N, C-alpha and C. Protein backbone atom coordinates (compact mmCIF):
# COMPACT_ATOMS: atom_id res chain seq x y z
N MET A 1 -20.48 -27.24 -11.04
CA MET A 1 -20.76 -26.07 -11.86
C MET A 1 -21.89 -26.39 -12.82
N LYS A 2 -22.66 -25.40 -13.13
CA LYS A 2 -23.78 -25.54 -14.03
C LYS A 2 -23.54 -24.66 -15.25
N GLU A 3 -24.21 -25.00 -16.29
CA GLU A 3 -24.18 -24.13 -17.46
C GLU A 3 -25.55 -23.52 -17.62
N LYS A 4 -25.56 -22.26 -17.94
CA LYS A 4 -26.82 -21.53 -18.04
C LYS A 4 -26.84 -20.80 -19.37
N LEU A 5 -27.95 -20.78 -20.00
CA LEU A 5 -28.08 -20.08 -21.27
C LEU A 5 -28.31 -18.60 -20.98
N ALA A 6 -27.39 -17.77 -21.44
CA ALA A 6 -27.50 -16.34 -21.23
C ALA A 6 -28.02 -15.70 -22.51
N MET A 7 -28.99 -14.84 -22.36
CA MET A 7 -29.59 -14.19 -23.52
C MET A 7 -29.18 -12.73 -23.56
N ASN A 8 -28.53 -12.36 -24.61
CA ASN A 8 -28.20 -10.97 -24.86
C ASN A 8 -29.13 -10.51 -25.97
N THR A 9 -29.09 -9.26 -26.34
CA THR A 9 -30.01 -8.77 -27.37
C THR A 9 -29.76 -9.46 -28.71
N SER A 10 -28.50 -9.73 -29.04
CA SER A 10 -28.24 -10.33 -30.34
C SER A 10 -27.56 -11.70 -30.23
N ASP A 11 -26.94 -12.01 -29.09
CA ASP A 11 -26.17 -13.24 -28.96
C ASP A 11 -26.84 -14.20 -27.98
N HIS A 12 -26.72 -15.48 -28.29
CA HIS A 12 -27.12 -16.53 -27.38
C HIS A 12 -25.86 -17.34 -27.09
N TYR A 13 -25.47 -17.47 -25.84
CA TYR A 13 -24.27 -18.23 -25.53
C TYR A 13 -24.44 -18.92 -24.19
N LEU A 14 -23.61 -19.95 -24.00
CA LEU A 14 -23.63 -20.67 -22.73
C LEU A 14 -22.67 -19.99 -21.76
N GLN A 15 -23.10 -19.82 -20.55
CA GLN A 15 -22.27 -19.17 -19.53
C GLN A 15 -22.15 -20.12 -18.36
N THR A 16 -20.93 -20.28 -17.85
CA THR A 16 -20.69 -21.15 -16.71
C THR A 16 -21.06 -20.40 -15.43
N VAL A 17 -21.83 -21.05 -14.59
CA VAL A 17 -22.28 -20.44 -13.35
C VAL A 17 -21.70 -21.23 -12.19
N LEU A 18 -21.08 -20.56 -11.25
CA LEU A 18 -20.52 -21.23 -10.08
C LEU A 18 -21.60 -21.39 -9.02
N THR A 19 -21.71 -22.56 -8.51
CA THR A 19 -22.69 -22.80 -7.46
C THR A 19 -22.12 -22.32 -6.13
N PRO A 20 -22.97 -22.00 -5.17
CA PRO A 20 -22.47 -21.57 -3.86
C PRO A 20 -21.64 -22.67 -3.21
N LYS A 21 -20.66 -22.27 -2.47
CA LYS A 21 -19.76 -23.15 -1.73
C LYS A 21 -18.93 -24.07 -2.62
N CYS A 22 -18.66 -23.65 -3.86
CA CYS A 22 -17.81 -24.47 -4.71
C CYS A 22 -16.34 -24.15 -4.48
N TRP A 23 -16.05 -23.02 -3.86
CA TRP A 23 -14.67 -22.67 -3.53
C TRP A 23 -14.42 -23.01 -2.07
N LYS A 24 -13.21 -23.44 -1.80
CA LYS A 24 -12.83 -23.70 -0.41
C LYS A 24 -12.69 -22.36 0.31
N PRO A 25 -13.06 -22.29 1.55
CA PRO A 25 -12.87 -21.03 2.27
C PRO A 25 -11.37 -20.76 2.47
N VAL A 26 -11.01 -19.49 2.40
CA VAL A 26 -9.62 -19.10 2.57
C VAL A 26 -9.40 -18.76 4.03
N TYR A 27 -8.52 -19.49 4.66
CA TYR A 27 -8.22 -19.24 6.07
C TYR A 27 -6.98 -18.36 6.15
N GLN A 28 -7.12 -17.25 6.84
CA GLN A 28 -5.98 -16.36 6.99
C GLN A 28 -5.18 -16.79 8.20
N ARG A 29 -3.88 -16.74 8.02
CA ARG A 29 -3.02 -17.05 9.16
C ARG A 29 -3.10 -15.93 10.17
N LYS A 30 -2.87 -16.29 11.40
CA LYS A 30 -2.92 -15.30 12.47
C LYS A 30 -1.78 -14.30 12.27
N GLN A 31 -2.12 -13.03 12.32
CA GLN A 31 -1.11 -11.99 12.10
C GLN A 31 -0.32 -11.76 13.38
N SER A 32 0.93 -11.40 13.18
CA SER A 32 1.77 -11.08 14.34
C SER A 32 1.39 -9.70 14.87
N GLY A 33 1.82 -9.41 16.07
CA GLY A 33 1.51 -8.12 16.69
C GLY A 33 2.09 -6.95 15.94
N TRP A 34 3.31 -7.12 15.40
CA TRP A 34 3.95 -6.03 14.68
C TRP A 34 3.18 -5.71 13.39
N LYS A 35 2.72 -6.75 12.71
CA LYS A 35 2.01 -6.52 11.47
C LYS A 35 0.68 -5.80 11.73
N LYS A 36 -0.01 -6.15 12.80
CA LYS A 36 -1.26 -5.46 13.15
C LYS A 36 -1.00 -3.99 13.44
N LEU A 37 0.07 -3.73 14.21
CA LEU A 37 0.39 -2.34 14.53
C LEU A 37 0.75 -1.55 13.28
N LEU A 38 1.52 -2.18 12.38
CA LEU A 38 1.88 -1.49 11.14
C LEU A 38 0.66 -1.16 10.31
N GLU A 39 -0.29 -2.08 10.20
CA GLU A 39 -1.49 -1.81 9.43
C GLU A 39 -2.35 -0.74 10.09
N LYS A 40 -2.40 -0.76 11.42
CA LYS A 40 -3.25 0.19 12.14
C LYS A 40 -2.72 1.61 12.04
N TYR A 41 -1.40 1.77 12.18
CA TYR A 41 -0.80 3.11 12.21
C TYR A 41 0.00 3.44 10.96
N GLN A 42 -0.34 2.84 9.81
CA GLN A 42 0.45 3.01 8.59
C GLN A 42 0.52 4.47 8.16
N THR A 43 -0.58 5.20 8.16
CA THR A 43 -0.55 6.59 7.69
C THR A 43 0.25 7.47 8.64
N ARG A 44 0.12 7.21 9.94
CA ARG A 44 0.88 8.02 10.91
C ARG A 44 2.38 7.74 10.77
N ILE A 45 2.75 6.48 10.56
CA ILE A 45 4.17 6.13 10.39
C ILE A 45 4.71 6.78 9.12
N ASP A 46 3.93 6.72 8.02
CA ASP A 46 4.37 7.32 6.76
C ASP A 46 4.58 8.82 6.89
N SER A 47 3.64 9.50 7.54
CA SER A 47 3.78 10.95 7.66
C SER A 47 4.94 11.33 8.59
N THR A 48 5.18 10.53 9.62
CA THR A 48 6.31 10.79 10.52
C THR A 48 7.63 10.61 9.78
N LEU A 49 7.74 9.53 8.99
CA LEU A 49 8.97 9.31 8.23
C LEU A 49 9.19 10.39 7.18
N ALA A 50 8.11 10.83 6.53
CA ALA A 50 8.23 11.91 5.54
C ALA A 50 8.67 13.21 6.21
N GLY A 51 8.09 13.52 7.37
CA GLY A 51 8.49 14.72 8.10
C GLY A 51 9.94 14.65 8.55
N ALA A 52 10.38 13.48 9.01
CA ALA A 52 11.77 13.32 9.43
C ALA A 52 12.72 13.49 8.24
N ALA A 53 12.34 12.96 7.08
CA ALA A 53 13.19 13.09 5.89
C ALA A 53 13.30 14.56 5.46
N ILE A 54 12.18 15.27 5.48
CA ILE A 54 12.20 16.69 5.11
C ILE A 54 13.03 17.48 6.11
N GLY A 55 12.89 17.19 7.40
CA GLY A 55 13.67 17.87 8.42
C GLY A 55 15.17 17.61 8.27
N LEU A 56 15.53 16.37 7.98
CA LEU A 56 16.95 16.05 7.78
C LEU A 56 17.51 16.76 6.56
N MET A 57 16.73 16.85 5.48
CA MET A 57 17.21 17.58 4.30
C MET A 57 17.40 19.07 4.62
N PHE A 58 16.49 19.63 5.39
CA PHE A 58 16.60 21.03 5.79
C PHE A 58 17.86 21.26 6.62
N LEU A 59 18.08 20.40 7.62
CA LEU A 59 19.27 20.55 8.46
C LEU A 59 20.56 20.33 7.67
N THR A 60 20.53 19.40 6.71
CA THR A 60 21.71 19.17 5.86
C THR A 60 21.99 20.40 5.02
N GLY A 61 20.95 21.03 4.50
CA GLY A 61 21.13 22.24 3.71
C GLY A 61 21.74 23.37 4.54
N ILE A 62 21.27 23.54 5.77
CA ILE A 62 21.85 24.56 6.65
C ILE A 62 23.30 24.25 6.94
N TRP A 63 23.59 22.97 7.20
CA TRP A 63 24.97 22.57 7.50
C TRP A 63 25.89 22.85 6.32
N LEU A 64 25.47 22.52 5.11
CA LEU A 64 26.29 22.78 3.93
C LEU A 64 26.46 24.27 3.68
N PHE A 65 25.42 25.05 3.91
CA PHE A 65 25.53 26.49 3.76
C PHE A 65 26.55 27.07 4.74
N LEU A 66 26.49 26.62 5.99
CA LEU A 66 27.44 27.12 6.98
C LEU A 66 28.86 26.67 6.66
N ALA A 67 29.01 25.45 6.12
CA ALA A 67 30.35 24.97 5.75
C ALA A 67 30.92 25.81 4.62
N GLN A 68 30.10 26.15 3.61
CA GLN A 68 30.58 26.99 2.51
C GLN A 68 30.88 28.40 2.99
N LEU A 69 30.06 28.91 3.90
CA LEU A 69 30.29 30.24 4.43
C LEU A 69 31.60 30.29 5.20
N ALA A 70 31.90 29.24 5.95
CA ALA A 70 33.16 29.20 6.69
C ALA A 70 34.35 29.10 5.75
N GLU A 71 34.21 28.41 4.62
CA GLU A 71 35.30 28.32 3.65
C GLU A 71 35.58 29.67 3.02
N CYS A 72 34.53 30.40 2.70
CA CYS A 72 34.69 31.71 2.06
C CYS A 72 35.31 32.70 3.04
N MET A 73 35.00 32.58 4.31
CA MET A 73 35.49 33.53 5.30
C MET A 73 36.94 33.25 5.70
N GLY A 74 37.31 32.03 5.60
CA GLY A 74 38.58 31.79 6.21
C GLY A 74 39.56 31.00 5.53
């Protein structure tokens, strides 16, 4: 690492400068097939799960309405 004098309009201060290749390269581990698929289709999976949740809530509401209607009738 080097130190470099940085000049601002009113301040003079020493600033540490990183030289190229001073950090080790980060090697990523090989991703599994499932993880690649999840990253590729994440928005489609999220929208499908949200649609399924909304559909299940709708069907549950109909079921509860019919159950209450049957109680009142009989």
